[in-house]
């Protein structure tokens, strides 16, 4: 190798080394001075989707032949809720002076309640509860049965 080629090679290597020392900090400065943008990761609290609708009916029951008893029975035809996890269980509670609760085999079923006749109308509270492990969500509706009524009322 000739002396002039060796000199050129050294000069080019020195120029590249100087450029690296000057350019690399500028590139690093540009990269690390930028604003940090939030990523797509978010932490939230898990919860059950709420029950949005319950279809079915409440039947007011009045009988003078049954020792002057009145009551109601509730029939659940379907429950609309979000995408519940497999293994979610459902229960319906019918309450007035007392209460009656029944586990539903899926999203259908019912229960009934009976009590002594009172003078006026009676308010019944229908509550449907979805449960998965320790999580629960409920839907509730209050329905009024007139005194002496034997009618069916949609939920």
C-alpha atoms as a PDB file:
ATOM      1  CA  UNK A   1       0.000   0.000   0.000  1.00  0.00           C
ATOM      2  CA  UNK A   2       1.332   3.388  -0.876  1.00  0.00           C
ATOM      3  CA  UNK A   3       1.969   6.168   1.505  1.00  0.00           C
ATOM      4  CA  UNK A   4      -0.632   8.490  -0.091  1.00  0.00           C
ATOM      5  CA  UNK A   5      -3.392   5.838   0.139  1.00  0.00           C
ATOM      6  CA  UNK A   6      -2.585   5.275   3.799  1.00  0.00           C
ATOM      7  CA  UNK A   7      -2.722   9.024   4.472  1.00  0.00           C
ATOM      8  CA  UNK A   8      -6.105   9.311   2.754  1.00  0.00           C
ATOM      9  CA  UNK A   9      -7.489   6.372   4.656  1.00  0.00           C
ATOM     10  CA  UNK A  10      -6.386   7.897   7.977  1.00  0.00           C
ATOM     11  CA  UNK A  11      -7.813  11.291   7.040  1.00  0.00           C
ATOM     12  CA  UNK A  12     -11.189   9.811   6.107  1.00  0.00           C
ATOM     13  CA  UNK A  13     -11.261   7.729   9.327  1.00  0.00           C
ATOM     14  CA  UNK A  14     -10.437  10.817  11.398  1.00  0.00           C
ATOM     15  CA  UNK A  15     -13.158  12.828   9.634  1.00  0.00           C
ATOM     16  CA  UNK A  16     -15.725  10.072  10.260  1.00  0.00           C
ATOM     17  CA  UNK A  17     -14.732   9.870  13.935  1.00  0.00           C
ATOM     18  CA  UNK A  18     -15.120  13.634  14.351  1.00  0.00           C
ATOM     19  CA  UNK A  19     -18.526  13.513  12.626  1.00  0.00           C
ATOM     20  CA  UNK A  20     -19.646  10.725  14.968  1.00  0.00           C
ATOM     21  CA  UNK A  21     -18.593  12.716  18.038  1.00  0.00           C
ATOM     22  CA  UNK A  22     -20.496  15.746  16.744  1.00  0.00           C
ATOM     23  CA  UNK A  23     -23.606  14.030  15.316  1.00  0.00           C
ATOM     24  CA  UNK A  24     -24.364  11.278  17.856  1.00  0.00           C
ATOM     25  CA  UNK A  25     -25.003  13.645  20.807  1.00  0.00           C
ATOM     26  CA  UNK A  26     -27.247  15.789  18.612  1.00  0.00           C
ATOM     27  CA  UNK A  27     -29.304  12.757  17.583  1.00  0.00           C
ATOM     28  CA  UNK A  28     -29.476  11.566  21.196  1.00  0.00           C
ATOM     29  CA  UNK A  29     -30.489  15.055  22.323  1.00  0.00           C
ATOM     30  CA  UNK A  30     -33.264  15.140  19.732  1.00  0.00           C
ATOM     31  CA  UNK A  31     -34.561  11.723  20.747  1.00  0.00           C
ATOM     32  CA  UNK A  32     -34.585  12.262  24.508  1.00  0.00           C
ATOM     33  CA  UNK A  33     -35.852  15.852  24.507  1.00  0.00           C
ATOM     34  CA  UNK A  34     -39.159  14.868  22.927  1.00  0.00           C
ATOM     35  CA  UNK A  35     -42.409  14.734  24.906  1.00  0.00           C
ATOM     36  CA  UNK A  36     -43.413  11.353  26.260  1.00  0.00           C
ATOM     37  CA  UNK A  37     -46.746  10.353  24.797  1.00  0.00           C
ATOM     38  CA  UNK A  38     -49.064   8.159  26.896  1.00  0.00           C
ATOM     39  CA  UNK A  39     -49.318   4.564  25.730  1.00  0.00           C
ATOM     40  CA  UNK A  40     -52.439   2.525  25.166  1.00  0.00           C
ATOM     41  CA  UNK A  41     -52.347   0.845  28.567  1.00  0.00           C
ATOM     42  CA  UNK A  42     -54.932   1.888  31.128  1.00  0.00           C
ATOM     43  CA  UNK A  43     -55.833   0.399  34.484  1.00  0.00           C
ATOM     44  CA  UNK A  44     -59.516   0.369  35.457  1.00  0.00           C
ATOM     45  CA  UNK A  45     -61.699  -1.341  38.021  1.00  0.00           C
ATOM     46  CA  UNK A  46     -63.486  -4.434  36.737  1.00  0.00           C
ATOM     47  CA  UNK A  47     -67.253  -4.552  37.206  1.00  0.00           C
ATOM     48  CA  UNK A  48     -70.179  -6.563  35.979  1.00  0.00           C
ATOM     49  CA  UNK A  49     -72.231  -5.210  33.097  1.00  0.00           C
ATOM     50  CA  UNK A  50     -75.549  -3.896  34.453  1.00  0.00           C
ATOM     51  CA  UNK A  51     -78.890  -5.586  33.848  1.00  0.00           C
ATOM     52  CA  UNK A  52     -80.543  -3.296  31.315  1.00  0.00           C
ATOM     53  CA  UNK A  53     -83.966  -4.914  30.991  1.00  0.00           C
ATOM     54  CA  UNK A  54     -86.136  -7.663  32.458  1.00  0.00           C
ATOM     55  CA  UNK A  55     -89.155  -9.058  30.620  1.00  0.00           C
ATOM     56  CA  UNK A  56     -91.938 -10.851  32.396  1.00  0.00           C
ATOM     57  CA  UNK A  57     -94.985 -10.094  34.484  1.00  0.00           C
ATOM     58  CA  UNK A  58     -96.325  -9.767  38.001  1.00  0.00           C
ATOM     59  CA  UNK A  59     -99.740 -11.302  38.724  1.00  0.00           C
ATOM     60  CA  UNK A  60    -101.722  -9.731  41.548  1.00  0.00           C
ATOM     61  CA  UNK A  61    -103.585 -12.402  43.500  1.00  0.00           C
ATOM     62  CA  UNK A  62    -106.568 -11.909  45.800  1.00  0.00           C
ATOM     63  CA  UNK A  63    -108.743 -14.638  47.259  1.00  0.00           C
ATOM     64  CA  UNK A  64    -111.519 -14.472  49.830  1.00  0.00           C
ATOM     65  CA  UNK A  65    -111.680 -18.277  49.723  1.00  0.00           C
ATOM     66  CA  UNK A  66    -108.063 -18.632  50.842  1.00  0.00           C
ATOM     67  CA  UNK A  67    -108.576 -17.092  54.319  1.00  0.00           C
ATOM     68  CA  UNK A  68    -108.582 -13.571  52.948  1.00  0.00           C
ATOM     69  CA  UNK A  69    -105.050 -13.745  51.557  1.00  0.00           C
ATOM     70  CA  UNK A  70    -103.550 -11.529  48.919  1.00  0.00           C
ATOM     71  CA  UNK A  71    -100.257 -11.842  47.186  1.00  0.00           C
ATOM     72  CA  UNK A  72     -98.430 -11.790  43.926  1.00  0.00           C
ATOM     73  CA  UNK A  73     -96.384 -14.043  41.726  1.00  0.00           C
ATOM     74  CA  UNK A  74     -93.648 -12.917  39.396  1.00  0.00           C
ATOM     75  CA  UNK A  75     -92.616 -14.670  36.206  1.00  0.00           C
ATOM     76  CA  UNK A  76     -89.327 -13.757  34.520  1.00  0.00           C
ATOM     77  CA  UNK A  77     -89.247 -14.507  30.780  1.00  0.00           C
ATOM     78  CA  UNK A  78     -85.847 -13.006  29.999  1.00  0.00           C
ATOM     79  CA  UNK A  79     -83.017 -10.846  31.291  1.00  0.00           C
ATOM     80  CA  UNK A  80     -81.053  -8.477  29.057  1.00  0.00           C
ATOM     81  CA  UNK A  81     -77.574  -7.673  30.260  1.00  0.00           C
ATOM     82  CA  UNK A  82     -74.087  -7.159  28.909  1.00  0.00           C
ATOM     83  CA  UNK A  83     -71.816 -10.045  28.051  1.00  0.00           C
ATOM     84  CA  UNK A  84     -71.812 -11.753  31.432  1.00  0.00           C
ATOM     85  CA  UNK A  85     -69.127 -14.262  32.272  1.00  0.00           C
ATOM     86  CA  UNK A  86     -69.943 -17.973  32.048  1.00  0.00           C
ATOM     87  CA  UNK A  87     -71.101 -19.127  35.458  1.00  0.00           C
ATOM     88  CA  UNK A  88     -73.123 -16.000  36.253  1.00  0.00           C
ATOM     89  CA  UNK A  89     -76.179 -16.911  38.331  1.00  0.00           C
ATOM     90  CA  UNK A  90     -79.497 -15.078  38.548  1.00  0.00           C
ATOM     91  CA  UNK A  91     -82.028 -14.742  41.363  1.00  0.00           C
ATOM     92  CA  UNK A  92     -85.404 -12.997  41.605  1.00  0.00           C
ATOM     93  CA  UNK A  93     -86.791 -11.564  44.838  1.00  0.00           C
ATOM     94  CA  UNK A  94     -90.405 -10.496  45.320  1.00  0.00           C
ATOM     95  CA  UNK A  95     -90.973  -8.403  48.431  1.00  0.00           C
ATOM     96  CA  UNK A  96     -93.758  -6.523  50.214  1.00  0.00           C
ATOM     97  CA  UNK A  97     -94.327  -7.203  53.926  1.00  0.00           C
ATOM     98  CA  UNK A  98     -92.291 -10.389  53.607  1.00  0.00           C
ATOM     99  CA  UNK A  99     -90.115 -11.600  50.788  1.00  0.00           C
ATOM    100  CA  UNK A 100     -89.593 -14.638  48.621  1.00  0.00           C
ATOM    101  CA  UNK A 101     -86.409 -15.360  46.673  1.00  0.00           C
ATOM    102  CA  UNK A 102     -85.847 -17.953  43.967  1.00  0.00           C
ATOM    103  CA  UNK A 103     -82.678 -18.905  42.118  1.00  0.00           C
ATOM    104  CA  UNK A 104     -83.341 -18.823  38.390  1.00  0.00           C
ATOM    105  CA  UNK A 105     -82.211 -21.687  36.172  1.00  0.00           C
ATOM    106  CA  UNK A 106     -80.624 -19.332  33.643  1.00  0.00           C
ATOM    107  CA  UNK A 107     -82.483 -16.146  32.761  1.00  0.00           C
ATOM    108  CA  UNK A 108     -86.040 -17.462  33.284  1.00  0.00           C
ATOM    109  CA  UNK A 109     -88.121 -18.473  36.315  1.00  0.00           C
ATOM    110  CA  UNK A 110     -90.282 -17.043  39.057  1.00  0.00           C
ATOM    111  CA  UNK A 111     -91.479 -16.955  42.645  1.00  0.00           C
ATOM    112  CA  UNK A 112     -94.574 -15.949  44.620  1.00  0.00           C
ATOM    113  CA  UNK A 113     -95.489 -14.292  47.911  1.00  0.00           C
ATOM    114  CA  UNK A 114     -98.628 -14.366  50.061  1.00  0.00           C
ATOM    115  CA  UNK A 115     -99.730 -12.217  52.996  1.00  0.00           C
ATOM    116  CA  UNK A 116    -102.881 -11.232  54.901  1.00  0.00           C
ATOM    117  CA  UNK A 117    -105.247  -8.913  53.071  1.00  0.00           C
ATOM    118  CA  UNK A 118    -104.839  -5.247  53.853  1.00  0.00           C
ATOM    119  CA  UNK A 119    -107.320  -2.454  53.150  1.00  0.00           C
ATOM    120  CA  UNK A 120    -105.592  -0.591  50.314  1.00  0.00           C
ATOM    121  CA  UNK A 121    -103.327  -1.287  47.417  1.00  0.00           C
ATOM    122  CA  UNK A 122    -100.041  -3.111  47.942  1.00  0.00           C
ATOM    123  CA  UNK A 123     -96.647  -2.240  46.482  1.00  0.00           C
ATOM    124  CA  UNK A 124     -94.453  -5.166  45.442  1.00  0.00           C
ATOM    125  CA  UNK A 125     -90.745  -4.799  44.710  1.00  0.00           C
ATOM    126  CA  UNK A 126     -89.283  -7.142  42.086  1.00  0.00           C
ATOM    127  CA  UNK A 127     -85.485  -7.396  42.219  1.00  0.00           C
ATOM    128  CA  UNK A 128     -83.339  -9.438  39.836  1.00  0.00           C
ATOM    129  CA  UNK A 129     -79.735 -10.024  40.899  1.00  0.00           C
ATOM    130  CA  UNK A 130     -76.916 -11.316  38.681  1.00  0.00           C
ATOM    131  CA  UNK A 131     -73.952 -12.736  40.612  1.00  0.00           C
ATOM    132  CA  UNK A 132     -70.500 -13.930  39.634  1.00  0.00           C
ATOM    133  CA  UNK A 133     -68.194 -14.868  42.500  1.00  0.00           C
ATOM    134  CA  UNK A 134     -68.164 -11.732  44.703  1.00  0.00           C
ATOM    135  CA  UNK A 135     -69.563  -9.377  42.040  1.00  0.00           C
ATOM    136  CA  UNK A 136     -73.265  -8.532  41.798  1.00  0.00           C
ATOM    137  CA  UNK A 137     -75.500  -6.236  39.807  1.00  0.00           C
ATOM    138  CA  UNK A 138     -79.230  -5.671  40.333  1.00  0.00           C
ATOM    139  CA  UNK A 139     -82.340  -4.492  38.534  1.00  0.00           C
ATOM    140  CA  UNK A 140     -85.406  -3.452  40.505  1.00  0.00           C
ATOM    141  CA  UNK A 141     -88.978  -2.315  39.848  1.00  0.00           C
ATOM    142  CA  UNK A 142     -91.874  -1.411  42.146  1.00  0.00           C
ATOM    143  CA  UNK A 143     -95.360  -2.465  41.004  1.00  0.00           C
ATOM    144  CA  UNK A 144     -98.647  -1.494  42.656  1.00  0.00           C
ATOM    145  CA  UNK A 145    -101.496  -4.010  42.975  1.00  0.00           C
ATOM    146  CA  UNK A 146    -104.898  -2.465  43.664  1.00  0.00           C
ATOM    147  CA  UNK A 147    -106.961  -3.881  46.548  1.00  0.00           C
ATOM    148  CA  UNK A 148    -108.885  -6.959  45.440  1.00  0.00           C
ATOM    149  CA  UNK A 149    -107.114  -7.115  42.077  1.00  0.00           C
ATOM    150  CA  UNK A 150    -106.328 -10.277  40.135  1.00  0.00           C
ATOM    151  CA  UNK A 151    -104.653  -8.669  37.160  1.00  0.00           C
ATOM    152  CA  UNK A 152    -101.347  -9.332  35.386  1.00  0.00           C
ATOM    153  CA  UNK A 153     -98.898  -6.406  34.992  1.00  0.00           C
ATOM    154  CA  UNK A 154     -95.883  -6.374  32.650  1.00  0.00           C
ATOM    155  CA  UNK A 155     -92.513  -5.684  34.176  1.00  0.00           C
END
